[in-house]
């Protein structure tokens, strides 16, 4: 990062058409990590794994928390996929509105925010969870794009294919409104899942949906992985689906093996995140175990 904060973001970001392969980690913030922990873990993402971005997951409503995220991202050369968290309590829960307003206020007031915030996501899976209607969500996206136009931050929705297809007209109104397509790719939950090395057909099926409905927009896998254990919130829809460390590792190997296929997708190729940074954040998905050590050797391709 430069010694002084620039005046504007002209020529600041890489062309998204050049971004593919591994981008970074999905990172849950429900614990409201301290400044020092954010700094330490963002530095680890950048230096150990060559991450370019961090995608936030969950919500921390502590005052000034996103300012801490901005500082940690700036200091460690990371971009942020920020998130407006809806939660899982249905359409009656409007806590996300305050989170939206708080985030937007920080994006406008913190001089570094627009230089690390690559995109703002409405999520996670608001359509699948029926937290908001497609028409209302599309309107929220359009309104946010207008509000953030002065700071030049694009807007999207963090959602899986089924969240769109379960709605009338495949919720095309939302796909038309968003700036990029931020996809939940969790093939373990597919009805025809088995082992991760056989998951490419599932990945490809969802990719074809987004490619055919996305009008050439950039695509990211932001919530993306395969669990090593099942739990009350992580249960397969296929009796053949296998959850263990070997299959978690195998899924990321599958993405590496298909790097060229992902790169050939619309918008300059798919860039992907590993969900999630640490087992302490979400059991079964962490690259790091609760013992502070990686569960397996994780050195994914950052280009091909």
Protein backbone atom coordinates (compact mmCIF):
# COMPACT_ATOMS: atom_id res chain seq x y z
CA UNK A 1 0.00 0.00 0.00
CA UNK A 2 1.17 3.57 -0.61
CA UNK A 3 2.40 5.72 2.26
CA UNK A 4 -0.46 8.13 1.75
CA UNK A 5 -4.08 7.32 0.94
CA UNK A 6 -4.74 8.23 -2.72
CA UNK A 7 -7.39 10.72 -3.77
CA UNK A 8 -9.50 8.23 -5.70
CA UNK A 9 -9.57 4.65 -6.95
CA UNK A 10 -8.72 5.38 -10.58
CA UNK A 11 -6.53 2.51 -11.84
CA UNK A 12 -6.47 1.11 -8.30
CA UNK A 13 -8.06 -2.32 -8.71
CA UNK A 14 -6.96 -5.13 -10.98
CA UNK A 15 -9.29 -5.77 -13.88
CA UNK A 16 -11.64 -8.50 -12.59
CA UNK A 17 -11.28 -10.24 -15.94
CA UNK A 18 -7.73 -11.10 -14.86
CA UNK A 19 -8.78 -12.60 -11.52
CA UNK A 20 -9.21 -16.36 -11.31
CA UNK A 21 -8.22 -19.39 -9.22
CA UNK A 22 -7.74 -19.05 -5.44
CA UNK A 23 -8.48 -15.56 -4.12
CA UNK A 24 -8.53 -15.98 -0.35
CA UNK A 25 -10.64 -17.10 2.58
CA UNK A 26 -14.17 -16.73 3.75
CA UNK A 27 -13.77 -15.43 7.31
CA UNK A 28 -16.47 -15.45 9.96
CA UNK A 29 -16.62 -12.34 12.15
CA UNK A 30 -19.29 -13.39 14.66
CA UNK A 31 -16.56 -13.47 17.34
CA UNK A 32 -15.87 -9.74 16.76
CA UNK A 33 -12.13 -10.41 16.51
CA UNK A 34 -9.79 -7.93 18.16
CA UNK A 35 -7.64 -5.58 16.12
CA UNK A 36 -4.58 -7.67 16.87
CA UNK A 37 -6.25 -10.91 15.79
CA UNK A 38 -7.47 -9.35 12.55
CA UNK A 39 -3.98 -8.09 11.85
CA UNK A 40 -2.38 -11.44 12.61
CA UNK A 41 -4.81 -13.55 10.60
CA UNK A 42 -5.02 -11.20 7.62
CA UNK A 43 -1.21 -11.18 7.50
CA UNK A 44 -1.24 -14.98 7.55
CA UNK A 45 -3.75 -15.12 4.68
CA UNK A 46 -1.57 -12.83 2.60
CA UNK A 47 1.88 -14.16 3.38
CA UNK A 48 1.27 -17.86 3.91
CA UNK A 49 -1.37 -18.49 1.24
CA UNK A 50 -0.97 -15.62 -1.26
CA UNK A 51 -4.53 -14.45 -0.64
CA UNK A 52 -5.69 -11.37 -2.50
CA UNK A 53 -9.02 -10.96 -0.76
CA UNK A 54 -10.96 -11.90 2.35
CA UNK A 55 -14.69 -12.52 2.18
CA UNK A 56 -16.52 -11.69 5.40
CA UNK A 57 -19.14 -14.07 6.76
CA UNK A 58 -21.54 -13.63 9.66
CA UNK A 59 -21.90 -10.35 11.50
CA UNK A 60 -20.22 -8.33 14.21
CA UNK A 61 -22.35 -5.42 15.35
CA UNK A 62 -19.67 -3.90 17.58
CA UNK A 63 -19.24 -0.20 16.88
CA UNK A 64 -16.18 0.49 14.74
CA UNK A 65 -15.54 -3.15 13.87
CA UNK A 66 -15.47 -2.59 10.13
CA UNK A 67 -12.93 0.21 10.67
CA UNK A 68 -10.69 -2.43 12.27
CA UNK A 69 -11.26 -4.70 9.26
CA UNK A 70 -10.33 -1.86 6.91
CA UNK A 71 -7.10 -1.16 8.79
CA UNK A 72 -6.11 -4.83 8.84
CA UNK A 73 -6.88 -5.22 5.14
CA UNK A 74 -4.97 -2.04 4.25
CA UNK A 75 -1.96 -2.97 6.36
CA UNK A 76 -1.77 -6.44 4.81
CA UNK A 77 -2.61 -5.70 1.19
CA UNK A 78 -5.98 -7.45 1.08
CA UNK A 79 -9.24 -6.51 -0.58
CA UNK A 80 -12.49 -7.21 1.25
CA UNK A 81 -15.75 -8.71 0.05
CA UNK A 82 -17.93 -7.07 2.71
CA UNK A 83 -21.24 -8.59 3.77
CA UNK A 84 -24.60 -7.32 4.98
CA UNK A 85 -25.71 -10.26 7.11
CA UNK A 86 -29.40 -11.22 7.09
CA UNK A 87 -29.19 -14.16 9.46
CA UNK A 88 -31.62 -17.06 9.59
CA UNK A 89 -34.70 -15.65 11.32
CA UNK A 90 -36.85 -15.02 8.27
CA UNK A 91 -38.31 -11.87 6.73
CA UNK A 92 -39.51 -10.49 10.07
CA UNK A 93 -35.90 -9.92 11.21
CA UNK A 94 -34.84 -6.48 9.96
CA UNK A 95 -31.53 -6.29 11.81
CA UNK A 96 -29.82 -6.29 8.41
CA UNK A 97 -31.18 -2.82 7.70
CA UNK A 98 -29.15 -1.31 10.54
CA UNK A 99 -26.12 -3.35 9.48
CA UNK A 100 -26.49 -2.00 5.96
CA UNK A 101 -26.68 1.59 7.15
CA UNK A 102 -23.74 1.18 9.53
CA UNK A 103 -21.56 -0.36 6.82
CA UNK A 104 -22.44 2.31 4.28
CA UNK A 105 -21.64 5.03 6.80
CA UNK A 106 -18.17 3.54 7.36
CA UNK A 107 -17.56 3.10 3.64
CA UNK A 108 -18.18 6.81 3.17
CA UNK A 109 -16.42 8.13 6.27
CA UNK A 110 -13.29 5.96 6.48
CA UNK A 111 -10.83 7.29 3.86
CA UNK A 112 -9.23 3.85 3.39
CA UNK A 113 -12.48 1.90 3.07
CA UNK A 114 -13.00 2.32 -0.66
CA UNK A 115 -9.42 1.20 -1.30
CA UNK A 116 -9.93 -2.18 0.35
CA UNK A 117 -13.65 -2.86 -0.12
CA UNK A 118 -13.90 -4.62 -3.46
CA UNK A 119 -17.63 -5.32 -3.28
CA UNK A 120 -20.56 -5.22 -0.87
CA UNK A 121 -22.65 -8.39 -0.68
CA UNK A 122 -26.22 -8.76 0.49
CA UNK A 123 -26.34 -12.18 2.15
CA UNK A 124 -25.88 -14.86 3.10
CA UNK A 125 -28.43 -16.76 0.94
CA UNK A 126 -31.25 -14.26 1.49
CA UNK A 127 -33.28 -15.77 -1.38
CA UNK A 128 -32.87 -19.38 -0.25
CA UNK A 129 -33.86 -18.39 3.29
CA UNK A 130 -36.79 -16.28 2.01
CA UNK A 131 -35.50 -13.37 4.08
CA UNK A 132 -36.53 -10.96 1.33
CA UNK A 133 -38.40 -11.21 -1.97
CA UNK A 134 -36.48 -11.13 -5.26
CA UNK A 135 -38.08 -7.83 -6.27
CA UNK A 136 -37.28 -6.19 -2.93
CA UNK A 137 -33.74 -7.55 -2.99
CA UNK A 138 -33.17 -6.25 -6.50
CA UNK A 139 -34.40 -2.86 -5.36
CA UNK A 140 -32.02 -2.94 -2.39
CA UNK A 141 -29.13 -3.73 -4.74
CA UNK A 142 -30.04 -0.85 -7.06
CA UNK A 143 -30.43 1.56 -4.16
CA UNK A 144 -27.06 0.49 -2.70
CA UNK A 145 -25.34 0.93 -6.05
CA UNK A 146 -26.64 4.49 -6.20
CA UNK A 147 -25.62 5.21 -2.62
CA UNK A 148 -22.10 3.82 -3.09
CA UNK A 149 -21.52 5.30 -6.54
CA UNK A 150 -19.45 8.16 -5.13
CA UNK A 151 -17.01 5.75 -3.48
CA UNK A 152 -17.02 3.41 -6.46
CA UNK A 153 -17.91 0.19 -4.63
CA UNK A 154 -19.97 -2.38 -6.57
CA UNK A 155 -22.81 -4.39 -5.06
CA UNK A 156 -23.84 -8.03 -5.30
CA UNK A 157 -25.75 -10.82 -3.54
CA UNK A 158 -24.17 -13.82 -1.83
CA UNK A 159 -26.37 -16.74 -2.90
CA UNK A 160 -26.44 -20.27 -4.29
CA UNK A 161 -28.04 -21.35 -7.55
CA UNK A 162 -31.04 -22.91 -5.80
CA UNK A 163 -31.78 -19.60 -4.11
CA UNK A 164 -32.47 -18.18 -7.55
CA UNK A 165 -34.16 -21.19 -9.17
CA UNK A 166 -36.64 -21.71 -6.30
CA UNK A 167 -38.12 -18.32 -7.14
CA UNK A 168 -40.29 -17.28 -10.06
CA UNK A 169 -38.36 -16.62 -13.28
CA UNK A 170 -35.15 -17.79 -11.54
CA UNK A 171 -35.07 -14.43 -9.71
CA UNK A 172 -33.66 -12.94 -12.90
CA UNK A 173 -34.45 -9.46 -11.59
CA UNK A 174 -31.71 -9.93 -8.97
CA UNK A 175 -29.18 -11.35 -11.43
CA UNK A 176 -29.82 -8.34 -13.68
CA UNK A 177 -29.26 -5.88 -10.81
CA UNK A 178 -26.01 -7.18 -9.29
CA UNK A 179 -22.56 -6.10 -10.49
CA UNK A 180 -20.90 -9.50 -10.05
CA UNK A 181 -22.22 -12.99 -9.33
CA UNK A 182 -21.08 -14.21 -5.92
CA UNK A 183 -21.91 -17.88 -5.74
CA UNK A 184 -22.26 -20.37 -2.91
CA UNK A 185 -20.71 -23.56 -4.23
CA UNK A 186 -21.29 -26.31 -1.68
CA UNK A 187 -21.64 -29.53 -3.70
CA UNK A 188 -21.66 -31.70 -0.57
CA UNK A 189 -25.34 -30.78 -0.14
CA UNK A 190 -26.36 -31.86 -3.63
CA UNK A 191 -28.81 -34.72 -3.86
CA UNK A 192 -26.33 -36.60 -6.02
CA UNK A 193 -23.19 -35.90 -3.98
CA UNK A 194 -20.78 -38.70 -3.12
CA UNK A 195 -17.07 -37.95 -2.82
CA UNK A 196 -15.45 -34.64 -3.66
CA UNK A 197 -13.40 -36.03 -6.54
CA UNK A 198 -16.70 -36.73 -8.34
CA UNK A 199 -18.22 -33.30 -7.68
CA UNK A 200 -17.23 -31.52 -10.90
CA UNK A 201 -20.55 -32.32 -12.59
CA UNK A 202 -22.35 -30.63 -9.69
CA UNK A 203 -20.10 -27.59 -9.89
CA UNK A 204 -20.47 -27.42 -13.65
CA UNK A 205 -24.26 -27.67 -13.46
CA UNK A 206 -24.50 -24.58 -11.25
CA UNK A 207 -21.91 -22.77 -13.34
CA UNK A 208 -23.98 -23.34 -16.46
CA UNK A 209 -27.01 -21.82 -14.74
CA UNK A 210 -25.12 -18.67 -13.80
CA UNK A 211 -23.36 -18.42 -17.15
CA UNK A 212 -26.69 -18.64 -18.99
CA UNK A 213 -28.45 -16.13 -16.72
CA UNK A 214 -25.59 -13.82 -15.80
CA UNK A 215 -25.12 -11.86 -19.02
CA UNK A 216 -21.34 -12.30 -18.97
CA UNK A 217 -20.82 -10.95 -15.45
CA UNK A 218 -17.81 -11.85 -13.35
CA UNK A 219 -18.34 -14.90 -11.15
CA UNK A 220 -16.86 -15.74 -7.77
CA UNK A 221 -17.27 -18.77 -5.52
CA UNK A 222 -17.37 -16.93 -2.21
CA UNK A 223 -18.86 -19.57 0.11
CA UNK A 224 -17.13 -22.58 -1.28
CA UNK A 225 -15.93 -25.83 0.23
CA UNK A 226 -16.55 -29.37 1.40
CA UNK A 227 -16.94 -30.27 5.09
CA UNK A 228 -14.70 -32.66 6.99
CA UNK A 229 -17.44 -33.50 9.52
CA UNK A 230 -21.21 -33.30 9.67
CA UNK A 231 -23.15 -31.51 12.41
CA UNK A 232 -26.65 -30.32 13.18
CA UNK A 233 -26.30 -27.58 10.59
CA UNK A 234 -24.27 -29.59 8.10
CA UNK A 235 -26.19 -32.64 6.96
CA UNK A 236 -26.00 -34.17 3.48
CA UNK A 237 -28.96 -34.68 1.17
CA UNK A 238 -27.35 -37.77 -0.31
CA UNK A 239 -26.65 -41.01 1.58
CA UNK A 240 -23.49 -41.36 -0.52
CA UNK A 241 -21.99 -37.99 0.50
CA UNK A 242 -18.77 -38.43 2.48
CA UNK A 243 -17.54 -35.82 4.95
CA UNK A 244 -13.93 -36.19 6.07
CA UNK A 245 -10.62 -34.35 5.82
CA UNK A 246 -9.57 -36.28 2.72
CA UNK A 247 -12.68 -35.11 0.88
CA UNK A 248 -12.31 -31.54 2.11
CA UNK A 249 -8.78 -31.53 0.72
CA UNK A 250 -9.95 -33.34 -2.41
CA UNK A 251 -12.50 -30.66 -3.23
CA UNK A 252 -9.86 -27.95 -3.39
CA UNK A 253 -7.69 -30.27 -5.46
CA UNK A 254 -10.64 -30.66 -7.82
CA UNK A 255 -10.80 -26.89 -8.27
CA UNK A 256 -7.06 -26.80 -8.97
CA UNK A 257 -7.42 -29.65 -11.46
CA UNK A 258 -10.13 -27.68 -13.27
CA UNK A 259 -8.34 -24.34 -13.09
CA UNK A 260 -8.38 -23.92 -16.87
CA UNK A 261 -12.08 -24.79 -17.03
CA UNK A 262 -12.86 -22.19 -14.38
CA UNK A 263 -10.65 -19.64 -16.09
CA UNK A 264 -12.59 -20.12 -19.33
CA UNK A 265 -15.89 -19.02 -17.76
CA UNK A 266 -17.55 -15.66 -18.64
CA UNK A 267 -16.14 -12.46 -17.20
CA UNK A 268 -12.54 -13.63 -17.25
CA UNK A 269 -12.99 -16.78 -15.22
CA UNK A 270 -14.06 -17.80 -11.75
CA UNK A 271 -12.12 -16.69 -8.70
CA UNK A 272 -12.75 -18.72 -5.56
CA UNK A 273 -12.54 -18.48 -1.80
CA UNK A 274 -11.97 -21.29 0.68
CA UNK A 275 -14.77 -21.57 3.20
CA UNK A 276 -13.60 -21.14 5.91
CA UNK A 277 -10.38 -19.85 7.49
CA UNK A 278 -10.54 -21.66 10.83
CA UNK A 279 -12.39 -24.57 12.38
CA UNK A 280 -13.11 -22.25 15.33
CA UNK A 281 -15.29 -20.18 13.00
CA UNK A 282 -17.36 -23.00 11.54
CA UNK A 283 -16.80 -26.67 12.42
CA UNK A 284 -15.97 -28.92 9.50
CA UNK A 285 -14.95 -26.28 7.01
CA UNK A 286 -11.83 -24.73 8.50
CA UNK A 287 -8.52 -24.88 6.70
CA UNK A 288 -7.01 -24.43 10.14
CA UNK A 289 -8.02 -26.88 12.84
CA UNK A 290 -8.85 -25.80 16.38
CA UNK A 291 -5.27 -26.68 17.32
CA UNK A 292 -4.03 -23.78 15.19
CA UNK A 293 -2.50 -26.04 12.55
CA UNK A 294 -3.72 -26.61 9.02
CA UNK A 295 -5.78 -29.77 8.68
CA UNK A 296 -3.97 -30.63 5.44
CA UNK A 297 -1.46 -29.09 3.08
CA UNK A 298 -3.25 -26.16 1.48
CA UNK A 299 -1.38 -24.43 -1.33
CA UNK A 300 -3.92 -23.80 -4.10
CA UNK A 301 -3.15 -22.27 -7.47
CA UNK A 302 -3.53 -18.53 -7.72
CA UNK A 303 -3.37 -18.61 -11.52
CA UNK A 304 -3.18 -20.99 -14.46
